[in-house]
Amino acid sequence: MDWDGVRERCTVFADDAVLALNKPAGISVTGERHDIDLVELAQAAGTQLYPVHRIDKVTSGLVLLATDLAAHGQLTRQFNKQTASKRYLAIVSGADLPERGEIDLPLSVGRKNRVRIAAQREAIQRAGDRWFVEEGDLLPAKNYPSRTLFTTVARHGDTALLAVEPVTGRRHQIRVQLAWIGHPILGDPLFDRTATHPRTHLHSWRLRLDADWLTPPVLALEATPGPDFWTPLTTDPDAGTELLHTATQLSSD
């Protein structure tokens, strides 16, 4: 893997301040201990990148990196203040989900630094289209309010395609919350033990942030999933395009 090739194949948007890539599943953004990551790969080729946010190694899709420190500060503040608009696509096990739903389940960090819901599984309640736990059922460890909205785009057998909006941006938030309500993401090494799927079917799809150096001052980005993302639902490229079109219609801001 070389940086010039990655940049040529994966660039979604680039200017003097930022670089947005459609990252393949299986490569880390930064901090990789056992293999190469994007920041290290670029640095070896003489390009310094400053990650604005991170997506998991197993997740494909949109990742935003700054090449200018002033832009980096402006953009990361929006993630820290939870004003950045984010959308993901996820293919999950189980099709018995509402058309729209809300997962309002605080997260905590358990043994071996693993992210978990900050309550026992049996304390999770569902009222209509909302999953939650009562405050009195929270574990005594420190917890982090975590809220995710989703729209069911399509159902195929015992799987469903979701358009997901993580209102907060906690580590592993989407993966943990969906798994704990009984709908793990297909191929997720943390929660899918079937070994049926060669990749995790979670894709960072859209980002929208303020960017005062642009006219208009908005950075609106979208990364199209590759054919491998759609395989649990279809191997027909046209069908994948149609699913993406439906997701776009249902997820318009």
Foldseek 3Di string as FASTA:
>chain_A
DALVVQLVVFFFDDDQWKTKGFFDAQAWCDDDDPDDHNQNRVVVVPQHWAWLDTDDNQATGITMITSDVVQSVQSNVCLVVLNKWWKKKFKWFADPADQKAKEWFWWDADPPRRIAGQFDLVQWDDDPRYIYGDPVRGHPDDIGTWMKMWGFLDDDVRMTMIIIITSHDDVCRVQRRCVSVPIHTPPDPVRDPPPPAPGGLMYGAWIKDAAVVDVVRIDITGDQDDQSNCVVPDNDVVVSVVSVVSVCVVPPD
